[in-house]
Amino acid sequence: MTTGRTLGQMCGKKDLWVVGPNSTIAAAAQVMRDNRVGAVLVSEDGRLNGILSERDVTYRAVAAGLDPNITAVSEVMTRKVITAGPETRAVNGLQQMAENQIRHLPVTDGGTVIGIVSLRDFLTEELAQVQDEISFEGAVAEELW
């Protein structure tokens, strides 16, 4: 279980994908597609301005009839970014995500984004642990029979 790990440990050395607030939604969506991520950070002059997720693109742009080729990210991004510190226990980060109904949680240290965790990160880790348990149980069963 992820209970003993911290968000800083979960971030590891993953790349951060960042776009500027004046980037178009289409350009940001291409960054998400090309890097297989569900959200990009929106930053200008090293300051976190917001986050743009697949949901923002779908609900606030496409469903609203905005042209993603000319609409700036700043028009649809989530401005109130919920963050957590690197020493936050993973289980507390997951709880924070559930309480705020978000799928991506930037991890900040002294105001600087050092990583981001997603629900996918938690699911991947849990799946690996379940697979380890199944392998262990299989090995035990073989020894007993």
N, C-alpha and C. Protein backbone atom coordinates (compact mmCIF):
# COMPACT_ATOMS: atom_id res chain seq x y z
N MET A 1 0.85 -1.19 0.00
CA MET A 1 0.00 0.00 0.00
C MET A 1 0.88 1.23 0.00
N THR A 2 0.38 2.33 -0.50
CA THR A 2 1.13 3.56 -0.63
C THR A 2 1.22 4.35 0.68
N THR A 3 0.74 3.79 1.78
CA THR A 3 0.63 4.54 3.02
C THR A 3 1.97 5.02 3.57
N GLY A 4 3.05 4.27 3.38
CA GLY A 4 4.33 4.66 3.94
C GLY A 4 5.13 5.61 3.07
N ARG A 5 4.80 5.68 1.81
CA ARG A 5 5.54 6.54 0.89
C ARG A 5 5.07 7.98 0.99
N THR A 6 5.94 8.86 0.53
CA THR A 6 5.57 10.28 0.48
C THR A 6 5.32 10.67 -0.97
N LEU A 7 4.67 11.80 -1.16
CA LEU A 7 4.43 12.30 -2.51
C LEU A 7 5.74 12.62 -3.21
N GLY A 8 6.72 13.11 -2.46
CA GLY A 8 8.03 13.38 -3.04
C GLY A 8 8.66 12.12 -3.61
N GLN A 9 8.51 11.00 -2.89
CA GLN A 9 9.04 9.73 -3.38
C GLN A 9 8.27 9.25 -4.60
N MET A 10 6.98 9.49 -4.62
CA MET A 10 6.17 9.07 -5.76
C MET A 10 6.51 9.86 -7.02
N CYS A 11 6.87 11.13 -6.85
CA CYS A 11 7.19 11.97 -8.01
C CYS A 11 8.42 11.45 -8.74
N GLY A 12 9.39 10.99 -7.96
CA GLY A 12 10.60 10.48 -8.57
C GLY A 12 11.23 11.49 -9.50
N LYS A 13 11.62 11.02 -10.66
CA LYS A 13 12.28 11.89 -11.63
C LYS A 13 11.44 12.05 -12.89
N LYS A 14 10.13 12.04 -12.74
CA LYS A 14 9.24 12.23 -13.89
C LYS A 14 9.37 13.65 -14.41
N ASP A 15 9.24 13.79 -15.73
CA ASP A 15 9.28 15.12 -16.34
C ASP A 15 8.02 15.90 -16.00
N LEU A 16 8.17 17.21 -15.92
CA LEU A 16 7.03 18.10 -15.74
C LEU A 16 6.72 18.73 -17.09
N TRP A 17 5.47 18.71 -17.48
CA TRP A 17 5.07 19.29 -18.74
C TRP A 17 4.37 20.61 -18.45
N VAL A 18 4.92 21.68 -19.03
CA VAL A 18 4.47 23.03 -18.72
C VAL A 18 4.17 23.78 -20.02
N VAL A 19 3.09 24.55 -19.99
CA VAL A 19 2.77 25.45 -21.09
C VAL A 19 2.57 26.85 -20.51
N GLY A 20 2.65 27.83 -21.36
CA GLY A 20 2.41 29.21 -20.94
C GLY A 20 0.94 29.53 -20.98
N PRO A 21 0.52 30.55 -20.25
CA PRO A 21 -0.91 30.89 -20.20
C PRO A 21 -1.44 31.38 -21.55
N ASN A 22 -0.55 31.85 -22.42
CA ASN A 22 -0.98 32.33 -23.73
C ASN A 22 -0.95 31.24 -24.80
N SER A 23 -0.49 30.05 -24.44
CA SER A 23 -0.52 28.92 -25.38
C SER A 23 -1.97 28.63 -25.73
N THR A 24 -2.19 28.11 -26.92
CA THR A 24 -3.56 27.73 -27.28
C THR A 24 -3.91 26.41 -26.62
N ILE A 25 -5.18 26.19 -26.49
CA ILE A 25 -5.67 24.93 -25.94
C ILE A 25 -5.22 23.78 -26.83
N ALA A 26 -5.24 23.98 -28.13
CA ALA A 26 -4.82 22.93 -29.07
C ALA A 26 -3.36 22.56 -28.84
N ALA A 27 -2.50 23.56 -28.66
CA ALA A 27 -1.08 23.29 -28.43
C ALA A 27 -0.88 22.55 -27.12
N ALA A 28 -1.61 22.94 -26.09
CA ALA A 28 -1.51 22.27 -24.79
C ALA A 28 -2.01 20.83 -24.90
N ALA A 29 -3.09 20.62 -25.64
CA ALA A 29 -3.63 19.26 -25.83
C ALA A 29 -2.62 18.38 -26.56
N GLN A 30 -1.89 18.97 -27.49
CA GLN A 30 -0.86 18.21 -28.20
C GLN A 30 0.27 17.80 -27.25
N VAL A 31 0.64 18.67 -26.33
CA VAL A 31 1.66 18.33 -25.33
C VAL A 31 1.17 17.17 -24.47
N MET A 32 -0.10 17.23 -24.08
CA MET A 32 -0.67 16.15 -23.26
C MET A 32 -0.67 14.84 -24.06
N ARG A 33 -1.11 14.91 -25.30
CA ARG A 33 -1.16 13.70 -26.14
C ARG A 33 0.24 13.14 -26.37
N ASP A 34 1.17 13.98 -26.77
CA ASP A 34 2.52 13.53 -27.11
C ASP A 34 3.25 12.91 -25.92
N ASN A 35 2.91 13.36 -24.71
CA ASN A 35 3.60 12.89 -23.51
C ASN A 35 2.73 11.97 -22.66
N ARG A 36 1.57 11.64 -23.19
CA ARG A 36 0.65 10.72 -22.53
C ARG A 36 0.36 11.11 -21.08
N VAL A 37 0.00 12.38 -20.89
CA VAL A 37 -0.36 12.89 -19.57
C VAL A 37 -1.74 13.51 -19.65
N GLY A 38 -2.41 13.56 -18.52
CA GLY A 38 -3.77 14.08 -18.47
C GLY A 38 -3.86 15.53 -18.04
N ALA A 39 -2.71 16.15 -17.77
CA ALA A 39 -2.72 17.55 -17.35
C ALA A 39 -1.34 18.16 -17.58
N VAL A 40 -1.33 19.46 -17.80
CA VAL A 40 -0.08 20.21 -17.88
C VAL A 40 -0.15 21.38 -16.91
N LEU A 41 0.99 21.74 -16.39
CA LEU A 41 1.07 22.91 -15.53
C LEU A 41 1.09 24.15 -16.41
N VAL A 42 0.51 25.22 -15.91
CA VAL A 42 0.52 26.49 -16.63
C VAL A 42 1.38 27.44 -15.82
N SER A 43 2.45 27.90 -16.44
CA SER A 43 3.42 28.70 -15.70
C SER A 43 3.95 29.83 -16.57
N GLU A 44 4.28 30.92 -15.90
CA GLU A 44 4.91 32.06 -16.58
C GLU A 44 5.91 32.67 -15.62
N ASP A 45 7.10 32.91 -16.09
CA ASP A 45 8.17 33.48 -15.28
C ASP A 45 8.44 32.65 -14.03
N GLY A 46 8.33 31.32 -14.17
CA GLY A 46 8.61 30.42 -13.05
C GLY A 46 7.54 30.35 -11.99
N ARG A 47 6.44 31.03 -12.21
CA ARG A 47 5.34 31.06 -11.24
C ARG A 47 4.19 30.20 -11.74
N LEU A 48 3.64 29.35 -10.88
CA LEU A 48 2.52 28.50 -11.23
C LEU A 48 1.26 29.34 -11.32
N ASN A 49 0.69 29.41 -12.54
CA ASN A 49 -0.52 30.19 -12.76
C ASN A 49 -1.78 29.34 -12.69
N GLY A 50 -1.62 28.03 -13.00
CA GLY A 50 -2.78 27.17 -13.03
C GLY A 50 -2.40 25.78 -13.52
N ILE A 51 -3.42 25.00 -13.78
CA ILE A 51 -3.24 23.66 -14.32
C ILE A 51 -4.34 23.46 -15.36
N LEU A 52 -3.98 22.79 -16.44
CA LEU A 52 -4.95 22.50 -17.49
C LEU A 52 -5.06 20.99 -17.60
N SER A 53 -6.26 20.49 -17.37
CA SER A 53 -6.49 19.04 -17.43
C SER A 53 -7.35 18.71 -18.63
N GLU A 54 -7.45 17.41 -18.91
CA GLU A 54 -8.32 16.95 -19.98
C GLU A 54 -9.76 17.40 -19.73
N ARG A 55 -10.15 17.40 -18.49
CA ARG A 55 -11.51 17.84 -18.15
C ARG A 55 -11.71 19.32 -18.47
N ASP A 56 -10.70 20.14 -18.17
CA ASP A 56 -10.80 21.56 -18.50
C ASP A 56 -11.00 21.73 -20.01
N VAL A 57 -10.22 21.00 -20.78
CA VAL A 57 -10.32 21.09 -22.24
C VAL A 57 -11.71 20.66 -22.70
N THR A 58 -12.18 19.55 -22.17
CA THR A 58 -13.47 19.01 -22.59
C THR A 58 -14.64 19.87 -22.14
N TYR A 59 -14.70 20.16 -20.85
CA TYR A 59 -15.86 20.85 -20.30
C TYR A 59 -15.86 22.35 -20.56
N ARG A 60 -14.72 22.99 -20.34
CA ARG A 60 -14.68 24.46 -20.41
C ARG A 60 -14.40 25.00 -21.80
N ALA A 61 -13.84 24.18 -22.68
CA ALA A 61 -13.51 24.67 -24.02
C ALA A 61 -14.42 24.02 -25.07
N VAL A 62 -14.26 22.73 -25.28
CA VAL A 62 -14.99 22.05 -26.35
C VAL A 62 -16.49 22.13 -26.12
N ALA A 63 -16.95 21.74 -24.94
CA ALA A 63 -18.39 21.75 -24.67
C ALA A 63 -18.97 23.16 -24.67
N ALA A 64 -18.12 24.16 -24.40
CA ALA A 64 -18.57 25.55 -24.41
C ALA A 64 -18.51 26.18 -25.80
N GLY A 65 -18.02 25.40 -26.78
CA GLY A 65 -17.98 25.90 -28.16
C GLY A 65 -16.80 26.81 -28.46
N LEU A 66 -15.76 26.81 -27.60
CA LEU A 66 -14.59 27.65 -27.86
C LEU A 66 -13.69 26.97 -28.90
N ASP A 67 -13.06 27.76 -29.72
CA ASP A 67 -12.14 27.24 -30.73
C ASP A 67 -10.79 26.98 -30.07
N PRO A 68 -10.38 25.71 -29.95
CA PRO A 68 -9.12 25.40 -29.27
C PRO A 68 -7.88 25.91 -30.01
N ASN A 69 -8.04 26.25 -31.28
CA ASN A 69 -6.90 26.74 -32.06
C ASN A 69 -6.61 28.22 -31.81
N ILE A 70 -7.55 28.93 -31.22
CA ILE A 70 -7.32 30.36 -30.95
C ILE A 70 -7.53 30.74 -29.50
N THR A 71 -8.15 29.86 -28.71
CA THR A 71 -8.43 30.17 -27.31
C THR A 71 -7.20 29.90 -26.46
N ALA A 72 -6.85 30.86 -25.63
CA ALA A 72 -5.68 30.73 -24.76
C ALA A 72 -5.99 29.81 -23.58
N VAL A 73 -4.99 29.09 -23.16
CA VAL A 73 -5.09 28.20 -22.00
C VAL A 73 -5.62 28.96 -20.78
N SER A 74 -5.18 30.20 -20.62
CA SER A 74 -5.58 30.99 -19.44
C SER A 74 -7.09 31.19 -19.34
N GLU A 75 -7.80 31.03 -20.46
CA GLU A 75 -9.26 31.22 -20.44
C GLU A 75 -10.00 30.03 -19.84
N VAL A 76 -9.38 28.86 -19.83
CA VAL A 76 -10.10 27.67 -19.36
C VAL A 76 -9.38 26.89 -18.27
N MET A 77 -8.15 27.27 -17.95
CA MET A 77 -7.37 26.52 -16.96
C MET A 77 -7.99 26.64 -15.57
N THR A 78 -7.65 25.72 -14.71
CA THR A 78 -8.03 25.79 -13.31
C THR A 78 -7.03 26.71 -12.62
N ARG A 79 -7.52 27.79 -12.07
CA ARG A 79 -6.63 28.79 -11.46
C ARG A 79 -6.29 28.47 -10.01
N LYS A 80 -7.25 27.94 -9.30
CA LYS A 80 -7.04 27.62 -7.89
C LYS A 80 -6.43 26.21 -7.83
N VAL A 81 -5.11 26.16 -7.86
CA VAL A 81 -4.42 24.88 -7.90
C VAL A 81 -4.21 24.38 -6.48
N ILE A 82 -4.66 23.18 -6.24
CA ILE A 82 -4.46 22.53 -4.95
C ILE A 82 -3.13 21.80 -5.03
N THR A 83 -2.27 22.03 -4.05
CA THR A 83 -0.94 21.41 -4.04
C THR A 83 -0.70 20.73 -2.70
N ALA A 84 0.38 19.97 -2.65
CA ALA A 84 0.80 19.32 -1.41
C ALA A 84 2.32 19.34 -1.37
N GLY A 85 2.87 19.18 -0.17
CA GLY A 85 4.31 19.18 0.00
C GLY A 85 4.91 17.80 -0.25
N PRO A 86 6.20 17.73 -0.49
CA PRO A 86 6.86 16.46 -0.79
C PRO A 86 6.85 15.48 0.38
N GLU A 87 6.73 15.97 1.59
CA GLU A 87 6.72 15.08 2.76
C GLU A 87 5.33 14.57 3.11
N THR A 88 4.32 15.01 2.35
CA THR A 88 2.96 14.54 2.57
C THR A 88 2.90 13.04 2.29
N ARG A 89 2.33 12.29 3.22
CA ARG A 89 2.20 10.85 2.99
C ARG A 89 1.28 10.61 1.80
N ALA A 90 1.61 9.61 1.01
CA ALA A 90 0.85 9.32 -0.20
C ALA A 90 -0.64 9.15 0.09
N VAL A 91 -0.97 8.43 1.14
CA VAL A 91 -2.36 8.19 1.46
C VAL A 91 -3.08 9.51 1.77
N ASN A 92 -2.38 10.48 2.37
CA ASN A 92 -2.99 11.78 2.64
C ASN A 92 -3.16 12.58 1.36
N GLY A 93 -2.22 12.44 0.44
CA GLY A 93 -2.36 13.08 -0.87
C GLY A 93 -3.55 12.54 -1.63
N LEU A 94 -3.71 11.22 -1.59
CA LEU A 94 -4.84 10.58 -2.26
C LEU A 94 -6.15 11.04 -1.63
N GLN A 95 -6.18 11.16 -0.31
CA GLN A 95 -7.38 11.65 0.38
C GLN A 95 -7.68 13.09 -0.04
N GLN A 96 -6.64 13.91 -0.14
CA GLN A 96 -6.80 15.31 -0.57
C GLN A 96 -7.38 15.36 -1.99
N MET A 97 -6.91 14.48 -2.85
CA MET A 97 -7.43 14.43 -4.22
C MET A 97 -8.90 14.03 -4.22
N ALA A 98 -9.25 13.05 -3.41
CA ALA A 98 -10.65 12.61 -3.35
C ALA A 98 -11.55 13.71 -2.81
N GLU A 99 -11.12 14.36 -1.73
CA GLU A 99 -11.93 15.41 -1.11
C GLU A 99 -12.17 16.58 -2.05
N ASN A 100 -11.18 16.89 -2.90
CA ASN A 100 -11.29 18.02 -3.81
C ASN A 100 -11.71 17.63 -5.22
N GLN A 101 -11.98 16.34 -5.41
CA GLN A 101 -12.41 15.80 -6.70
C GLN A 101 -11.47 16.21 -7.83
N ILE A 102 -10.17 15.96 -7.59
CA ILE A 102 -9.17 16.26 -8.61
C ILE A 102 -8.40 14.99 -8.94
N ARG A 103 -7.82 14.95 -10.13
CA ARG A 103 -7.09 13.77 -10.57
C ARG A 103 -5.58 14.00 -10.63
N HIS A 104 -5.17 15.25 -10.46
CA HIS A 104 -3.75 15.60 -10.53
C HIS A 104 -3.41 16.52 -9.37
N LEU A 105 -2.30 16.22 -8.69
CA LEU A 105 -1.90 16.98 -7.52
C LEU A 105 -0.43 17.41 -7.66
N PRO A 106 -0.19 18.69 -7.97
CA PRO A 106 1.19 19.16 -8.02
C PRO A 106 1.83 19.11 -6.63
N VAL A 107 3.08 18.72 -6.60
CA VAL A 107 3.84 18.64 -5.37
C VAL A 107 4.81 19.81 -5.37
N THR A 108 4.71 20.65 -4.34
CA THR A 108 5.53 21.86 -4.29
C THR A 108 6.42 21.86 -3.06
N ASP A 109 7.58 22.48 -3.23
CA ASP A 109 8.53 22.64 -2.14
C ASP A 109 8.96 24.09 -2.13
N GLY A 110 8.54 24.83 -1.12
CA GLY A 110 8.87 26.24 -1.05
C GLY A 110 8.30 27.05 -2.19
N GLY A 111 7.13 26.66 -2.68
CA GLY A 111 6.49 27.37 -3.77
C GLY A 111 6.91 26.92 -5.16
N THR A 112 7.90 26.04 -5.24
CA THR A 112 8.37 25.53 -6.52
C THR A 112 7.79 24.15 -6.77
N VAL A 113 7.22 23.96 -7.95
CA VAL A 113 6.67 22.65 -8.30
C VAL A 113 7.83 21.70 -8.57
N ILE A 114 7.86 20.59 -7.83
CA ILE A 114 8.93 19.60 -8.01
C ILE A 114 8.41 18.32 -8.66
N GLY A 115 7.10 18.21 -8.79
CA GLY A 115 6.51 17.04 -9.40
C GLY A 115 5.01 17.13 -9.40
N ILE A 116 4.41 16.08 -9.92
CA ILE A 116 2.96 16.00 -9.94
C ILE A 116 2.59 14.52 -9.84
N VAL A 117 1.58 14.22 -9.06
CA VAL A 117 1.08 12.85 -8.98
C VAL A 117 -0.35 12.83 -9.51
N SER A 118 -0.71 11.71 -10.10
CA SER A 118 -2.05 11.55 -10.65
C SER A 118 -2.68 10.30 -10.06
N LEU A 119 -3.97 10.18 -10.25
CA LEU A 119 -4.66 8.97 -9.80
C LEU A 119 -4.03 7.74 -10.46
N ARG A 120 -3.58 7.89 -11.68
CA ARG A 120 -2.94 6.78 -12.39
C ARG A 120 -1.71 6.29 -11.63
N ASP A 121 -0.96 7.20 -11.03
CA ASP A 121 0.22 6.81 -10.25
C ASP A 121 -0.18 5.90 -9.08
N PHE A 122 -1.26 6.25 -8.42
CA PHE A 122 -1.72 5.44 -7.29
C PHE A 122 -2.22 4.08 -7.77
N LEU A 123 -2.95 4.07 -8.87
CA LEU A 123 -3.47 2.81 -9.40
C LEU A 123 -2.35 1.90 -9.87
N THR A 124 -1.34 2.46 -10.52
CA THR A 124 -0.21 1.68 -11.01
C THR A 124 0.52 1.03 -9.84
N GLU A 125 0.72 1.79 -8.78
CA GLU A 125 1.42 1.27 -7.61
C GLU A 125 0.60 0.17 -6.92
N GLU A 126 -0.69 0.39 -6.79
CA GLU A 126 -1.54 -0.62 -6.17
C GLU A 126 -1.57 -1.90 -7.00
N LEU A 127 -1.66 -1.76 -8.32
CA LEU A 127 -1.69 -2.93 -9.19
C LEU A 127 -0.40 -3.74 -9.04
N ALA A 128 0.73 -3.05 -8.97
CA ALA A 128 2.01 -3.75 -8.80
C ALA A 128 2.03 -4.52 -7.48
N GLN A 129 1.48 -3.93 -6.44
CA GLN A 129 1.46 -4.61 -5.14
C GLN A 129 0.52 -5.81 -5.16
N VAL A 130 -0.61 -5.68 -5.83
CA VAL A 130 -1.53 -6.81 -5.93
C VAL A 130 -0.87 -7.95 -6.71
N GLN A 131 -0.17 -7.61 -7.79
CA GLN A 131 0.52 -8.64 -8.57
C GLN A 131 1.60 -9.33 -7.73
N ASP A 132 2.32 -8.56 -6.91
CA ASP A 132 3.31 -9.16 -6.01
C ASP A 132 2.65 -10.12 -5.03
N GLU A 133 1.51 -9.73 -4.49
CA GLU A 133 0.79 -10.59 -3.54
C GLU A 133 0.32 -11.87 -4.21
N ILE A 134 -0.18 -11.76 -5.44
CA ILE A 134 -0.64 -12.95 -6.16
C ILE A 134 0.53 -13.89 -6.42
N SER A 135 1.67 -13.32 -6.83
CA SER A 135 2.86 -14.15 -7.07
C SER A 135 3.31 -14.85 -5.79
N PHE A 136 3.29 -14.12 -4.69
CA PHE A 136 3.69 -14.69 -3.41
C PHE A 136 2.74 -15.82 -3.01
N GLU A 137 1.44 -15.56 -3.13
CA GLU A 137 0.46 -16.59 -2.77
C GLU A 137 0.61 -17.82 -3.66
N GLY A 138 0.92 -17.62 -4.94
CA GLY A 138 1.15 -18.73 -5.85
C GLY A 138 2.35 -19.55 -5.45
N ALA A 139 3.43 -18.86 -5.04
CA ALA A 139 4.64 -19.55 -4.62
C ALA A 139 4.38 -20.35 -3.34
N VAL A 140 3.62 -19.78 -2.42
CA VAL A 140 3.30 -20.47 -1.17
C VAL A 140 2.44 -21.70 -1.48
N ALA A 141 1.48 -21.54 -2.37
CA ALA A 141 0.60 -22.65 -2.73
C ALA A 141 1.39 -23.80 -3.35
N GLU A 142 2.36 -23.46 -4.20
CA GLU A 142 3.19 -24.49 -4.82
C GLU A 142 4.00 -25.26 -3.77
N GLU A 143 4.50 -24.53 -2.79
CA GLU A 143 5.29 -25.17 -1.72
C GLU A 143 4.42 -26.09 -0.88
N LEU A 144 3.16 -25.69 -0.66
CA LEU A 144 2.27 -26.48 0.18
C LEU A 144 1.73 -27.72 -0.54
N TRP A 145 1.61 -27.68 -1.83
CA TRP A 145 1.04 -28.79 -2.58
C TRP A 145 2.14 -29.57 -3.17
